[in-house]
Amino acid sequence: MYEYEYFENVNDGIRTKKGYLVATGFNRIVHGERGAYVEFINSQIAGGTFHIPKEQEWRIQGPKSFNAYYIWYETFDGVKVYLQKKRVAYADYVPGRWYISPRDLQGFKRIEGETQWG
């Protein structure tokens, strides 16, 4: 597994690879057993930028919603966005915070070579 760093000007906003604005900044990059994710707090998220795909609505309503660890959103250009609901053992995700893979965002680059996570 590899670590990621941010190499752009955060004042330009955080954008998907296709240029869609998702946030005005980010909190940190979380490196866990299942990969790296960029963490955002609510005030950093660009308003009205995400939707819940129809097949993921079970995560917010119905009897199975209690078992969901996150709510699955997508940007309008198809990038998966997580809103964490519960803690997990494999990474330091915080309930109430948003997560996107840095592979799907502009300005984040993988640090070459194996890291402590790989």
N, C-alpha and C. Protein backbone atom coordinates (compact mmCIF):
# COMPACT_ATOMS: atom_id res chain seq x y z
N MET A 1 0.84 -1.18 0.00
CA MET A 1 0.00 0.00 0.00
C MET A 1 0.89 1.24 0.00
N TYR A 2 0.40 2.31 -0.59
CA TYR A 2 1.18 3.52 -0.72
C TYR A 2 0.52 4.68 0.01
N GLU A 3 1.35 5.64 0.43
CA GLU A 3 0.82 6.87 1.02
C GLU A 3 0.61 7.89 -0.08
N TYR A 4 -0.23 8.86 0.22
CA TYR A 4 -0.49 9.95 -0.71
C TYR A 4 -0.21 11.28 -0.03
N GLU A 5 0.16 12.27 -0.82
CA GLU A 5 0.32 13.64 -0.35
C GLU A 5 -0.40 14.56 -1.33
N TYR A 6 -0.69 15.77 -0.85
CA TYR A 6 -1.36 16.76 -1.69
C TYR A 6 -0.33 17.75 -2.19
N PHE A 7 -0.32 18.02 -3.50
CA PHE A 7 0.70 18.86 -4.11
C PHE A 7 0.14 20.07 -4.84
N GLU A 8 -1.10 20.44 -4.60
CA GLU A 8 -1.71 21.57 -5.29
C GLU A 8 -2.03 22.68 -4.29
N ASN A 9 -2.62 23.76 -4.78
CA ASN A 9 -3.04 24.87 -3.93
C ASN A 9 -4.46 24.60 -3.44
N VAL A 10 -4.63 24.36 -2.16
CA VAL A 10 -5.94 24.02 -1.61
C VAL A 10 -6.94 25.16 -1.81
N ASN A 11 -6.47 26.39 -2.00
CA ASN A 11 -7.37 27.52 -2.23
C ASN A 11 -8.14 27.39 -3.54
N ASP A 12 -7.66 26.55 -4.45
CA ASP A 12 -8.36 26.31 -5.71
C ASP A 12 -9.49 25.29 -5.56
N GLY A 13 -9.61 24.72 -4.38
CA GLY A 13 -10.64 23.73 -4.12
C GLY A 13 -10.17 22.33 -4.45
N ILE A 14 -10.84 21.36 -3.87
CA ILE A 14 -10.54 19.96 -4.12
C ILE A 14 -11.51 19.48 -5.20
N ARG A 15 -10.96 18.93 -6.27
CA ARG A 15 -11.77 18.56 -7.43
C ARG A 15 -11.53 17.11 -7.84
N THR A 16 -12.56 16.53 -8.45
CA THR A 16 -12.41 15.20 -9.02
C THR A 16 -11.47 15.29 -10.23
N LYS A 17 -11.06 14.15 -10.73
CA LYS A 17 -10.18 14.12 -11.91
C LYS A 17 -10.82 14.83 -13.10
N LYS A 18 -12.15 14.83 -13.17
CA LYS A 18 -12.85 15.50 -14.27
C LYS A 18 -13.10 16.98 -13.99
N GLY A 19 -12.64 17.48 -12.83
CA GLY A 19 -12.74 18.90 -12.52
C GLY A 19 -13.94 19.32 -11.70
N TYR A 20 -14.72 18.38 -11.22
CA TYR A 20 -15.92 18.69 -10.44
C TYR A 20 -15.53 19.08 -9.01
N LEU A 21 -15.93 20.26 -8.55
CA LEU A 21 -15.59 20.75 -7.21
C LEU A 21 -16.34 19.94 -6.14
N VAL A 22 -15.59 19.36 -5.19
CA VAL A 22 -16.22 18.60 -4.11
C VAL A 22 -16.01 19.23 -2.74
N ALA A 23 -14.95 20.02 -2.58
CA ALA A 23 -14.67 20.60 -1.26
C ALA A 23 -13.78 21.83 -1.39
N THR A 24 -13.79 22.63 -0.34
CA THR A 24 -12.97 23.84 -0.31
C THR A 24 -11.65 23.62 0.42
N GLY A 25 -11.45 22.45 0.93
CA GLY A 25 -10.23 22.08 1.64
C GLY A 25 -10.39 20.66 2.13
N PHE A 26 -9.41 20.16 2.87
CA PHE A 26 -9.53 18.83 3.45
C PHE A 26 -8.88 18.81 4.82
N ASN A 27 -9.26 17.84 5.62
CA ASN A 27 -8.79 17.74 6.99
C ASN A 27 -7.46 16.99 7.09
N ARG A 28 -7.40 15.79 6.48
CA ARG A 28 -6.19 14.97 6.52
C ARG A 28 -6.34 13.83 5.52
N ILE A 29 -5.25 13.07 5.36
CA ILE A 29 -5.28 11.85 4.56
C ILE A 29 -5.14 10.69 5.53
N VAL A 30 -6.09 9.78 5.50
CA VAL A 30 -6.09 8.61 6.39
C VAL A 30 -5.51 7.44 5.61
N HIS A 31 -4.48 6.82 6.16
CA HIS A 31 -3.87 5.64 5.55
C HIS A 31 -4.18 4.44 6.42
N GLY A 32 -4.97 3.52 5.89
CA GLY A 32 -5.36 2.34 6.64
C GLY A 32 -5.12 1.07 5.85
N GLU A 33 -5.57 -0.03 6.39
CA GLU A 33 -5.34 -1.33 5.75
C GLU A 33 -5.99 -1.45 4.38
N ARG A 34 -7.05 -0.70 4.12
CA ARG A 34 -7.75 -0.79 2.83
C ARG A 34 -7.43 0.35 1.89
N GLY A 35 -6.36 1.07 2.16
CA GLY A 35 -5.95 2.14 1.27
C GLY A 35 -5.99 3.51 1.92
N ALA A 36 -5.73 4.51 1.10
CA ALA A 36 -5.72 5.89 1.55
C ALA A 36 -7.05 6.56 1.21
N TYR A 37 -7.50 7.44 2.10
CA TYR A 37 -8.71 8.22 1.87
C TYR A 37 -8.49 9.63 2.38
N VAL A 38 -8.99 10.60 1.62
CA VAL A 38 -8.93 12.00 2.02
C VAL A 38 -10.15 12.27 2.89
N GLU A 39 -9.91 12.89 4.04
CA GLU A 39 -10.97 13.17 5.00
C GLU A 39 -11.39 14.63 4.93
N PHE A 40 -12.72 14.84 4.98
CA PHE A 40 -13.29 16.18 4.95
C PHE A 40 -14.26 16.35 6.12
N ILE A 41 -14.34 17.57 6.65
CA ILE A 41 -15.38 17.88 7.62
C ILE A 41 -16.52 18.58 6.89
N ASN A 42 -17.68 18.63 7.52
CA ASN A 42 -18.88 19.17 6.85
C ASN A 42 -18.68 20.55 6.25
N SER A 43 -17.99 21.43 6.96
CA SER A 43 -17.83 22.81 6.47
C SER A 43 -16.94 22.91 5.23
N GLN A 44 -16.21 21.86 4.92
CA GLN A 44 -15.35 21.87 3.73
C GLN A 44 -16.07 21.36 2.47
N ILE A 45 -17.15 20.66 2.65
CA ILE A 45 -17.87 20.06 1.52
C ILE A 45 -18.62 21.13 0.73
N ALA A 46 -18.47 21.09 -0.59
CA ALA A 46 -19.18 22.02 -1.47
C ALA A 46 -20.65 21.63 -1.48
N GLY A 47 -21.53 22.55 -1.19
CA GLY A 47 -22.96 22.27 -1.05
C GLY A 47 -23.59 21.70 -2.30
N GLY A 48 -24.47 20.71 -2.10
CA GLY A 48 -25.24 20.12 -3.19
C GLY A 48 -24.44 19.34 -4.21
N THR A 49 -23.28 18.82 -3.80
CA THR A 49 -22.42 18.18 -4.78
C THR A 49 -22.59 16.67 -4.89
N PHE A 50 -23.29 16.05 -3.95
CA PHE A 50 -23.38 14.59 -3.95
C PHE A 50 -24.84 14.12 -3.99
N HIS A 51 -25.03 12.88 -4.44
CA HIS A 51 -26.33 12.24 -4.39
C HIS A 51 -26.13 10.79 -3.96
N ILE A 52 -27.17 10.19 -3.42
CA ILE A 52 -27.13 8.78 -3.02
C ILE A 52 -27.69 7.96 -4.17
N PRO A 53 -26.88 7.03 -4.72
CA PRO A 53 -27.40 6.18 -5.79
C PRO A 53 -28.59 5.36 -5.28
N LYS A 54 -29.56 5.14 -6.12
CA LYS A 54 -30.78 4.42 -5.74
C LYS A 54 -30.48 3.09 -5.04
N GLU A 55 -29.51 2.33 -5.58
CA GLU A 55 -29.19 1.02 -5.00
C GLU A 55 -28.48 1.11 -3.65
N GLN A 56 -28.12 2.32 -3.20
CA GLN A 56 -27.46 2.50 -1.91
C GLN A 56 -28.37 3.14 -0.86
N GLU A 57 -29.62 3.36 -1.19
CA GLU A 57 -30.55 3.99 -0.25
C GLU A 57 -30.80 3.14 0.99
N TRP A 58 -30.55 1.83 0.92
CA TRP A 58 -30.73 0.95 2.08
C TRP A 58 -29.85 1.40 3.25
N ARG A 59 -28.78 2.13 2.97
CA ARG A 59 -27.86 2.57 4.02
C ARG A 59 -28.45 3.68 4.90
N ILE A 60 -29.56 4.30 4.44
CA ILE A 60 -30.16 5.39 5.22
C ILE A 60 -31.58 5.10 5.67
N GLN A 61 -32.19 4.06 5.13
CA GLN A 61 -33.57 3.74 5.51
C GLN A 61 -33.79 2.23 5.49
N GLY A 62 -34.70 1.79 6.30
CA GLY A 62 -35.02 0.37 6.34
C GLY A 62 -34.25 -0.37 7.43
N PRO A 63 -34.60 -1.64 7.63
CA PRO A 63 -34.02 -2.40 8.74
C PRO A 63 -32.52 -2.66 8.61
N LYS A 64 -31.98 -2.72 7.39
CA LYS A 64 -30.55 -3.00 7.21
C LYS A 64 -29.68 -1.75 7.42
N SER A 65 -30.29 -0.57 7.47
CA SER A 65 -29.49 0.66 7.57
C SER A 65 -28.66 0.71 8.85
N PHE A 66 -29.12 0.06 9.90
CA PHE A 66 -28.37 0.04 11.16
C PHE A 66 -27.00 -0.63 10.99
N ASN A 67 -26.91 -1.58 10.06
CA ASN A 67 -25.67 -2.32 9.84
C ASN A 67 -24.65 -1.59 8.96
N ALA A 68 -25.05 -0.53 8.32
CA ALA A 68 -24.14 0.18 7.41
C ALA A 68 -23.11 0.98 8.19
N TYR A 69 -21.86 0.87 7.76
CA TYR A 69 -20.77 1.61 8.39
C TYR A 69 -20.62 3.01 7.80
N TYR A 70 -21.19 3.20 6.61
CA TYR A 70 -21.11 4.50 5.95
C TYR A 70 -22.30 4.66 5.02
N ILE A 71 -22.55 5.90 4.64
CA ILE A 71 -23.54 6.20 3.62
C ILE A 71 -22.78 6.43 2.31
N TRP A 72 -23.18 5.76 1.27
CA TRP A 72 -22.52 5.83 -0.03
C TRP A 72 -23.16 6.93 -0.84
N TYR A 73 -22.37 7.93 -1.16
CA TYR A 73 -22.78 9.01 -2.06
C TYR A 73 -21.93 8.93 -3.31
N GLU A 74 -22.31 9.66 -4.34
CA GLU A 74 -21.48 9.83 -5.52
C GLU A 74 -21.54 11.27 -5.97
N THR A 75 -20.45 11.71 -6.60
CA THR A 75 -20.48 13.02 -7.25
C THR A 75 -21.24 12.84 -8.55
N PHE A 76 -21.55 13.93 -9.20
CA PHE A 76 -22.31 13.83 -10.45
C PHE A 76 -21.45 13.36 -11.62
N ASP A 77 -20.14 13.18 -11.37
CA ASP A 77 -19.30 12.55 -12.39
C ASP A 77 -18.86 11.15 -11.97
N GLY A 78 -19.57 10.57 -10.99
CA GLY A 78 -19.41 9.15 -10.66
C GLY A 78 -18.38 8.77 -9.62
N VAL A 79 -17.81 9.71 -8.89
CA VAL A 79 -16.82 9.39 -7.86
C VAL A 79 -17.53 9.00 -6.56
N LYS A 80 -17.11 7.88 -5.97
CA LYS A 80 -17.70 7.40 -4.73
C LYS A 80 -17.22 8.25 -3.55
N VAL A 81 -18.18 8.64 -2.70
CA VAL A 81 -17.91 9.45 -1.51
C VAL A 81 -18.56 8.77 -0.33
N TYR A 82 -17.82 8.62 0.76
CA TYR A 82 -18.36 7.99 1.97
C TYR A 82 -18.65 9.03 3.03
N LEU A 83 -19.79 8.92 3.70
CA LEU A 83 -20.05 9.65 4.93
C LEU A 83 -20.05 8.60 6.03
N GLN A 84 -19.02 8.62 6.85
CA GLN A 84 -18.83 7.57 7.86
C GLN A 84 -19.90 7.62 8.93
N LYS A 85 -20.49 6.47 9.26
CA LYS A 85 -21.51 6.35 10.30
C LYS A 85 -20.95 5.73 11.58
N LYS A 86 -20.03 4.75 11.42
CA LYS A 86 -19.51 4.00 12.57
C LYS A 86 -18.00 3.87 12.45
N ARG A 87 -17.36 3.64 13.58
CA ARG A 87 -15.93 3.36 13.59
C ARG A 87 -15.67 1.97 13.04
N VAL A 88 -14.47 1.78 12.50
CA VAL A 88 -14.03 0.48 12.00
C VAL A 88 -12.67 0.15 12.62
N ALA A 89 -12.29 -1.12 12.61
CA ALA A 89 -11.04 -1.55 13.22
C ALA A 89 -9.83 -1.33 12.31
N TYR A 90 -10.02 -1.24 11.00
CA TYR A 90 -8.90 -1.23 10.06
C TYR A 90 -8.40 0.15 9.68
N ALA A 91 -9.05 1.22 10.14
CA ALA A 91 -8.59 2.58 9.82
C ALA A 91 -9.20 3.57 10.82
N ASP A 92 -8.61 4.74 10.88
CA ASP A 92 -9.05 5.78 11.81
C ASP A 92 -10.10 6.70 11.17
N TYR A 93 -11.16 6.10 10.63
CA TYR A 93 -12.26 6.90 10.09
C TYR A 93 -13.11 7.41 11.24
N VAL A 94 -13.57 8.65 11.13
CA VAL A 94 -14.34 9.30 12.19
C VAL A 94 -15.79 9.43 11.75
N PRO A 95 -16.72 8.93 12.55
CA PRO A 95 -18.14 9.10 12.21
C PRO A 95 -18.48 10.58 12.01
N GLY A 96 -19.28 10.86 10.98
CA GLY A 96 -19.67 12.24 10.68
C GLY A 96 -18.73 12.95 9.72
N ARG A 97 -17.65 12.29 9.32
CA ARG A 97 -16.72 12.89 8.36
C ARG A 97 -16.85 12.19 7.00
N TRP A 98 -16.42 12.89 5.97
CA TRP A 98 -16.54 12.44 4.59
C TRP A 98 -15.20 11.92 4.10
N TYR A 99 -15.23 10.92 3.19
CA TYR A 99 -13.99 10.31 2.69
C TYR A 99 -14.09 10.05 1.19
N ILE A 100 -13.00 10.36 0.49
CA ILE A 100 -12.88 10.09 -0.95
C ILE A 100 -11.47 9.56 -1.20
N SER A 101 -11.36 8.59 -2.09
CA SER A 101 -10.05 8.06 -2.45
C SER A 101 -9.24 9.15 -3.16
N PRO A 102 -7.98 9.33 -2.79
CA PRO A 102 -7.15 10.33 -3.49
C PRO A 102 -6.92 9.99 -4.95
N ARG A 103 -7.09 8.72 -5.33
CA ARG A 103 -6.95 8.33 -6.74
C ARG A 103 -8.00 9.01 -7.61
N ASP A 104 -9.12 9.42 -7.00
CA ASP A 104 -10.22 10.04 -7.74
C ASP A 104 -10.16 11.56 -7.75
N LEU A 105 -9.13 12.14 -7.14
CA LEU A 105 -9.05 13.59 -6.97
C LEU A 105 -7.81 14.17 -7.63
N GLN A 106 -7.92 15.41 -8.06
CA GLN A 106 -6.77 16.14 -8.60
C GLN A 106 -5.85 16.56 -7.46
N GLY A 107 -4.56 16.63 -7.74
CA GLY A 107 -3.61 17.20 -6.79
C GLY A 107 -3.03 16.25 -5.77
N PHE A 108 -3.56 15.05 -5.68
CA PHE A 108 -3.03 14.06 -4.74
C PHE A 108 -2.13 13.10 -5.52
N LYS A 109 -0.94 12.89 -4.99
CA LYS A 109 0.00 12.02 -5.67
C LYS A 109 0.51 10.95 -4.72
N ARG A 110 0.70 9.78 -5.28
CA ARG A 110 1.22 8.66 -4.52
C ARG A 110 2.71 8.88 -4.27
N ILE A 111 3.13 8.62 -3.04
CA ILE A 111 4.54 8.67 -2.69
C ILE A 111 5.16 7.36 -3.14
N GLU A 112 6.20 7.43 -3.92
CA GLU A 112 6.84 6.21 -4.46
C GLU A 112 7.50 5.41 -3.35
N GLY A 113 7.50 4.10 -3.54
CA GLY A 113 8.15 3.21 -2.59
C GLY A 113 7.17 2.71 -1.54
N GLU A 114 7.50 1.62 -0.95
CA GLU A 114 6.68 1.06 0.11
C GLU A 114 6.76 1.95 1.35
N THR A 115 5.68 2.01 2.09
CA THR A 115 5.61 2.79 3.30
C THR A 115 5.34 1.88 4.48
N GLN A 116 5.16 2.46 5.62
CA GLN A 116 4.85 1.67 6.81
C GLN A 116 3.53 0.93 6.66
N TRP A 117 2.70 1.34 5.69
CA TRP A 117 1.38 0.72 5.51
C TRP A 117 1.43 -0.45 4.55
N GLY A 118 2.55 -0.69 3.85
CA GLY A 118 2.55 -1.70 2.81
C GLY A 118 3.46 -2.86 3.07
